[in-house]
Every structure is written in structure tokens, then in C-alpha cells.
Amino acid sequence: MTAPLLLALSLLAQSSPWWEQYDSRETFVCPRLGRVVVERNDAQASLIAGGYRSTGFRDDRQLNGIRYRNEQMTLILRGDLLTIEQRPSRIDCTRTEQV
């Protein structure tokens, strides 16, 4: 593939389709992963990391934090902390300010 095509594919992976209508976009820094982006609304959230996207749906159980889940992973938001759980792994990330 040519460099412009790779760049275009990378940019597509970092923006959501218009029909998902995410209300917020937050950036976090994670050990081993670097910078990740979480786009979310009340029903679902997308984690964008390393050019890949994974979408989870809201888990409304009365647990600590706001949770989104899919078959492979759980995202937990508590204030400025994002926890990414992929059993048996768990990564804690910190919100950053976008420049």
C-alpha cells in the first residue's frame, strides 16, 4: 500500500461514522498502549487505540463507575481514570488534556 492510502485508513480508524453520534470524546494515556481515545454516549462507547477500534455497550448494573462491555473487554470510567479489562489483564489509564 502507498503511504497516502495507509494514512487515510489510519484516519478513518480514528473517527466514528456519523450515525453513531457520540456525545463525548476523551483522550487517555495508558501504560503499554500510549494514547487512546474513548468516544461515548449513553448507550455505547468506542475505544480507539493503535489504529484499531473496539465498541462496547453500556452495562447498567449498579457497579462502581460507568461501564461499557463487549465479548472481549470492559471499559470502566471513574472520573479521570479509565480501566480497560481484558481478562486476565487490567490497564489503568489517566485522562489527558487535548492540545
N, C-alpha and C. Protein backbone atom coordinates (compact mmCIF):
# COMPACT_ATOMS: atom_id res chain seq x y z
N MET A 1 0.83 -1.19 0.00
CA MET A 1 0.00 0.00 0.00
C MET A 1 0.87 1.24 0.00
N THR A 2 0.34 2.29 -0.58
CA THR A 2 1.08 3.53 -0.60
C THR A 2 0.91 4.27 0.71
N ALA A 3 1.83 5.18 1.02
CA ALA A 3 1.77 5.95 2.26
C ALA A 3 0.49 6.76 2.39
N PRO A 4 0.00 7.46 1.32
CA PRO A 4 -1.25 8.21 1.48
C PRO A 4 -2.44 7.31 1.80
N LEU A 5 -2.48 6.11 1.22
CA LEU A 5 -3.58 5.20 1.50
C LEU A 5 -3.52 4.71 2.94
N LEU A 6 -2.32 4.38 3.42
CA LEU A 6 -2.18 3.97 4.81
C LEU A 6 -2.60 5.08 5.75
N LEU A 7 -2.23 6.32 5.44
CA LEU A 7 -2.61 7.47 6.27
C LEU A 7 -4.13 7.62 6.28
N ALA A 8 -4.77 7.50 5.13
CA ALA A 8 -6.23 7.63 5.04
C ALA A 8 -6.92 6.53 5.86
N LEU A 9 -6.43 5.30 5.78
CA LEU A 9 -7.01 4.21 6.56
C LEU A 9 -6.83 4.44 8.05
N SER A 10 -5.68 4.96 8.44
CA SER A 10 -5.43 5.26 9.85
C SER A 10 -6.37 6.35 10.35
N LEU A 11 -6.60 7.38 9.53
CA LEU A 11 -7.51 8.46 9.93
C LEU A 11 -8.94 7.96 10.02
N LEU A 12 -9.35 7.07 9.13
CA LEU A 12 -10.70 6.50 9.19
C LEU A 12 -10.90 5.72 10.48
N ALA A 13 -9.88 5.01 10.91
CA ALA A 13 -9.99 4.22 12.13
C ALA A 13 -10.10 5.10 13.37
N GLN A 14 -9.74 6.39 13.23
CA GLN A 14 -9.75 7.28 14.38
C GLN A 14 -10.94 8.21 14.41
N SER A 15 -11.90 8.04 13.53
CA SER A 15 -13.11 8.84 13.59
C SER A 15 -14.32 7.92 13.43
N SER A 16 -15.39 8.27 14.10
CA SER A 16 -16.58 7.42 14.10
C SER A 16 -17.49 7.73 12.94
N PRO A 17 -18.27 6.74 12.51
CA PRO A 17 -19.28 7.02 11.49
C PRO A 17 -20.32 8.00 12.03
N TRP A 18 -20.89 8.80 11.17
CA TRP A 18 -21.81 9.86 11.59
C TRP A 18 -23.02 9.31 12.33
N TRP A 19 -23.46 8.09 12.03
CA TRP A 19 -24.69 7.58 12.64
C TRP A 19 -24.52 7.16 14.09
N GLU A 20 -23.28 7.02 14.57
CA GLU A 20 -23.10 6.63 15.96
C GLU A 20 -23.32 7.78 16.93
N GLN A 21 -23.16 9.01 16.49
CA GLN A 21 -23.48 10.21 17.26
C GLN A 21 -22.97 10.16 18.71
N TYR A 22 -21.68 10.11 18.88
CA TYR A 22 -21.11 10.12 20.23
C TYR A 22 -21.18 11.51 20.81
N ASP A 23 -21.54 11.59 22.10
CA ASP A 23 -21.67 12.86 22.79
C ASP A 23 -20.33 13.40 23.28
N SER A 24 -19.39 12.52 23.56
CA SER A 24 -18.11 12.98 24.09
C SER A 24 -16.95 12.20 23.49
N ARG A 25 -15.80 12.84 23.51
CA ARG A 25 -14.55 12.25 23.02
C ARG A 25 -13.48 12.61 24.04
N GLU A 26 -12.90 11.60 24.68
CA GLU A 26 -11.91 11.82 25.73
C GLU A 26 -10.62 11.08 25.40
N THR A 27 -9.51 11.69 25.76
CA THR A 27 -8.19 11.12 25.49
C THR A 27 -7.56 10.68 26.81
N PHE A 28 -6.95 9.50 26.80
CA PHE A 28 -6.29 8.94 27.98
C PHE A 28 -4.90 8.47 27.60
N VAL A 29 -4.00 8.40 28.59
CA VAL A 29 -2.67 7.84 28.41
C VAL A 29 -2.60 6.57 29.25
N CYS A 30 -2.18 5.48 28.59
CA CYS A 30 -2.16 4.17 29.23
C CYS A 30 -0.76 3.55 29.17
N PRO A 31 -0.35 2.85 30.24
CA PRO A 31 0.90 2.10 30.16
C PRO A 31 0.78 1.04 29.06
N ARG A 32 1.83 0.82 28.31
CA ARG A 32 1.92 -0.18 27.23
C ARG A 32 1.09 0.17 26.00
N LEU A 33 0.06 1.00 26.13
CA LEU A 33 -0.79 1.33 24.98
C LEU A 33 -0.53 2.74 24.45
N GLY A 34 -0.02 3.62 25.28
CA GLY A 34 0.16 5.01 24.88
C GLY A 34 -1.16 5.76 24.92
N ARG A 35 -1.38 6.60 23.93
CA ARG A 35 -2.58 7.43 23.87
C ARG A 35 -3.75 6.63 23.29
N VAL A 36 -4.89 6.69 23.98
CA VAL A 36 -6.12 6.06 23.49
C VAL A 36 -7.24 7.10 23.55
N VAL A 37 -8.27 6.89 22.74
CA VAL A 37 -9.41 7.79 22.70
C VAL A 37 -10.67 6.97 23.00
N VAL A 38 -11.54 7.53 23.83
CA VAL A 38 -12.84 6.92 24.10
C VAL A 38 -13.91 7.88 23.61
N GLU A 39 -14.72 7.42 22.68
CA GLU A 39 -15.89 8.16 22.22
C GLU A 39 -17.09 7.45 22.80
N ARG A 40 -18.05 8.23 23.37
CA ARG A 40 -19.16 7.54 24.02
C ARG A 40 -20.43 8.37 24.04
N ASN A 41 -21.52 7.66 24.25
CA ASN A 41 -22.81 8.27 24.53
C ASN A 41 -23.45 7.40 25.61
N ASP A 42 -24.73 7.58 25.88
CA ASP A 42 -25.37 6.82 26.96
C ASP A 42 -25.48 5.33 26.67
N ALA A 43 -25.48 4.94 25.40
CA ALA A 43 -25.71 3.54 25.05
C ALA A 43 -24.46 2.75 24.71
N GLN A 44 -23.42 3.41 24.17
CA GLN A 44 -22.24 2.67 23.73
C GLN A 44 -21.00 3.55 23.78
N ALA A 45 -19.85 2.87 23.70
CA ALA A 45 -18.56 3.57 23.69
C ALA A 45 -17.62 2.84 22.75
N SER A 46 -16.74 3.61 22.10
CA SER A 46 -15.70 3.04 21.25
C SER A 46 -14.34 3.40 21.83
N LEU A 47 -13.48 2.41 21.94
CA LEU A 47 -12.10 2.61 22.34
C LEU A 47 -11.27 2.59 21.07
N ILE A 48 -10.50 3.66 20.83
CA ILE A 48 -9.64 3.76 19.65
C ILE A 48 -8.20 3.74 20.15
N ALA A 49 -7.45 2.73 19.74
CA ALA A 49 -6.07 2.57 20.19
C ALA A 49 -5.24 1.93 19.09
N GLY A 50 -4.14 2.56 18.75
CA GLY A 50 -3.23 1.98 17.77
C GLY A 50 -3.85 1.74 16.41
N GLY A 51 -4.81 2.58 16.01
CA GLY A 51 -5.44 2.43 14.72
C GLY A 51 -6.58 1.43 14.70
N TYR A 52 -6.88 0.83 15.84
CA TYR A 52 -7.97 -0.14 15.94
C TYR A 52 -9.10 0.43 16.78
N ARG A 53 -10.30 -0.04 16.52
CA ARG A 53 -11.49 0.40 17.25
C ARG A 53 -12.21 -0.81 17.81
N SER A 54 -12.66 -0.68 19.06
CA SER A 54 -13.47 -1.72 19.69
C SER A 54 -14.66 -1.04 20.36
N THR A 55 -15.86 -1.51 20.06
CA THR A 55 -17.07 -0.88 20.58
C THR A 55 -17.74 -1.79 21.60
N GLY A 56 -18.17 -1.17 22.70
CA GLY A 56 -18.89 -1.89 23.74
C GLY A 56 -20.19 -1.19 24.05
N PHE A 57 -21.10 -1.90 24.70
CA PHE A 57 -22.40 -1.35 25.02
C PHE A 57 -22.54 -1.16 26.53
N ARG A 58 -23.35 -0.20 26.91
CA ARG A 58 -23.49 0.19 28.31
C ARG A 58 -23.95 -0.98 29.17
N ASP A 59 -23.27 -1.14 30.30
CA ASP A 59 -23.63 -2.13 31.30
C ASP A 59 -24.29 -1.36 32.44
N ASP A 60 -25.59 -1.50 32.60
CA ASP A 60 -26.35 -0.70 33.56
C ASP A 60 -26.41 -1.29 34.97
N ARG A 61 -25.67 -2.35 35.22
CA ARG A 61 -25.68 -2.89 36.58
C ARG A 61 -25.14 -1.84 37.55
N GLN A 62 -25.59 -1.89 38.76
CA GLN A 62 -25.19 -0.92 39.78
C GLN A 62 -23.80 -1.25 40.32
N LEU A 63 -22.79 -0.95 39.52
CA LEU A 63 -21.41 -1.19 39.91
C LEU A 63 -20.69 0.14 39.96
N ASN A 64 -19.49 0.13 40.48
CA ASN A 64 -18.69 1.34 40.60
C ASN A 64 -18.25 1.85 39.22
N GLY A 65 -18.59 3.08 38.86
CA GLY A 65 -18.18 3.68 37.60
C GLY A 65 -19.17 3.43 36.47
N ILE A 66 -18.89 4.04 35.34
CA ILE A 66 -19.68 3.86 34.12
C ILE A 66 -18.98 2.75 33.32
N ARG A 67 -19.74 1.72 32.95
CA ARG A 67 -19.15 0.55 32.30
C ARG A 67 -19.74 0.32 30.91
N TYR A 68 -18.84 -0.07 30.01
CA TYR A 68 -19.22 -0.49 28.65
C TYR A 68 -18.54 -1.83 28.42
N ARG A 69 -19.26 -2.78 27.81
CA ARG A 69 -18.72 -4.14 27.64
C ARG A 69 -18.96 -4.66 26.23
N ASN A 70 -18.06 -5.53 25.83
CA ASN A 70 -18.30 -6.40 24.67
C ASN A 70 -17.76 -7.78 25.06
N GLU A 71 -17.67 -8.69 24.13
CA GLU A 71 -17.25 -10.06 24.45
C GLU A 71 -15.81 -10.17 24.91
N GLN A 72 -14.95 -9.24 24.48
CA GLN A 72 -13.54 -9.33 24.81
C GLN A 72 -13.09 -8.39 25.93
N MET A 73 -13.83 -7.29 26.18
CA MET A 73 -13.29 -6.27 27.05
C MET A 73 -14.37 -5.52 27.79
N THR A 74 -13.95 -4.90 28.91
CA THR A 74 -14.81 -4.00 29.68
C THR A 74 -14.07 -2.68 29.85
N LEU A 75 -14.75 -1.57 29.59
CA LEU A 75 -14.22 -0.23 29.86
C LEU A 75 -14.94 0.30 31.09
N ILE A 76 -14.17 0.82 32.05
CA ILE A 76 -14.75 1.38 33.27
C ILE A 76 -14.24 2.81 33.42
N LEU A 77 -15.17 3.76 33.46
CA LEU A 77 -14.82 5.17 33.62
C LEU A 77 -15.20 5.63 35.02
N ARG A 78 -14.20 6.19 35.74
CA ARG A 78 -14.40 6.76 37.06
C ARG A 78 -13.61 8.05 37.13
N GLY A 79 -14.30 9.18 36.94
CA GLY A 79 -13.62 10.47 36.96
C GLY A 79 -12.59 10.54 35.85
N ASP A 80 -11.32 10.79 36.22
CA ASP A 80 -10.24 10.90 35.25
C ASP A 80 -9.52 9.58 35.00
N LEU A 81 -10.08 8.49 35.48
CA LEU A 81 -9.47 7.17 35.35
C LEU A 81 -10.29 6.29 34.41
N LEU A 82 -9.62 5.67 33.46
CA LEU A 82 -10.21 4.67 32.58
C LEU A 82 -9.52 3.35 32.87
N THR A 83 -10.30 2.32 33.14
CA THR A 83 -9.75 0.98 33.33
C THR A 83 -10.20 0.12 32.16
N ILE A 84 -9.24 -0.54 31.52
CA ILE A 84 -9.52 -1.45 30.43
C ILE A 84 -9.25 -2.86 30.94
N GLU A 85 -10.28 -3.68 30.98
CA GLU A 85 -10.14 -5.06 31.44
C GLU A 85 -10.29 -6.02 30.26
N GLN A 86 -9.27 -6.82 30.06
CA GLN A 86 -9.30 -7.93 29.11
C GLN A 86 -8.69 -9.10 29.87
N ARG A 87 -9.54 -9.91 30.43
CA ARG A 87 -9.09 -10.98 31.32
C ARG A 87 -7.93 -11.76 30.74
N PRO A 88 -6.88 -11.97 31.48
CA PRO A 88 -6.64 -11.63 32.88
C PRO A 88 -5.98 -10.26 33.06
N SER A 89 -5.85 -9.49 32.01
CA SER A 89 -5.14 -8.22 32.03
C SER A 89 -6.04 -7.06 32.46
N ARG A 90 -5.44 -6.07 33.11
CA ARG A 90 -6.16 -4.87 33.53
C ARG A 90 -5.19 -3.69 33.40
N ILE A 91 -5.61 -2.65 32.68
CA ILE A 91 -4.76 -1.47 32.47
C ILE A 91 -5.51 -0.24 32.97
N ASP A 92 -4.86 0.56 33.81
CA ASP A 92 -5.43 1.82 34.29
C ASP A 92 -4.81 2.96 33.51
N CYS A 93 -5.66 3.84 32.97
CA CYS A 93 -5.24 4.97 32.14
C CYS A 93 -5.70 6.27 32.78
N THR A 94 -5.00 7.36 32.46
CA THR A 94 -5.30 8.67 33.03
C THR A 94 -5.71 9.63 31.92
N ARG A 95 -6.78 10.39 32.18
CA ARG A 95 -7.28 11.38 31.21
C ARG A 95 -6.22 12.45 30.99
N THR A 96 -6.13 12.90 29.74
CA THR A 96 -5.21 13.99 29.39
C THR A 96 -5.99 15.12 28.77
N GLU A 97 -5.38 16.27 28.72
CA GLU A 97 -5.95 17.41 28.02
C GLU A 97 -5.52 17.33 26.57
N GLN A 98 -6.42 17.57 25.64
CA GLN A 98 -6.03 17.59 24.24
C GLN A 98 -5.44 18.94 23.89
N VAL A 99 -4.39 18.91 23.09
CA VAL A 99 -3.70 20.14 22.70
C VAL A 99 -4.20 20.57 21.33
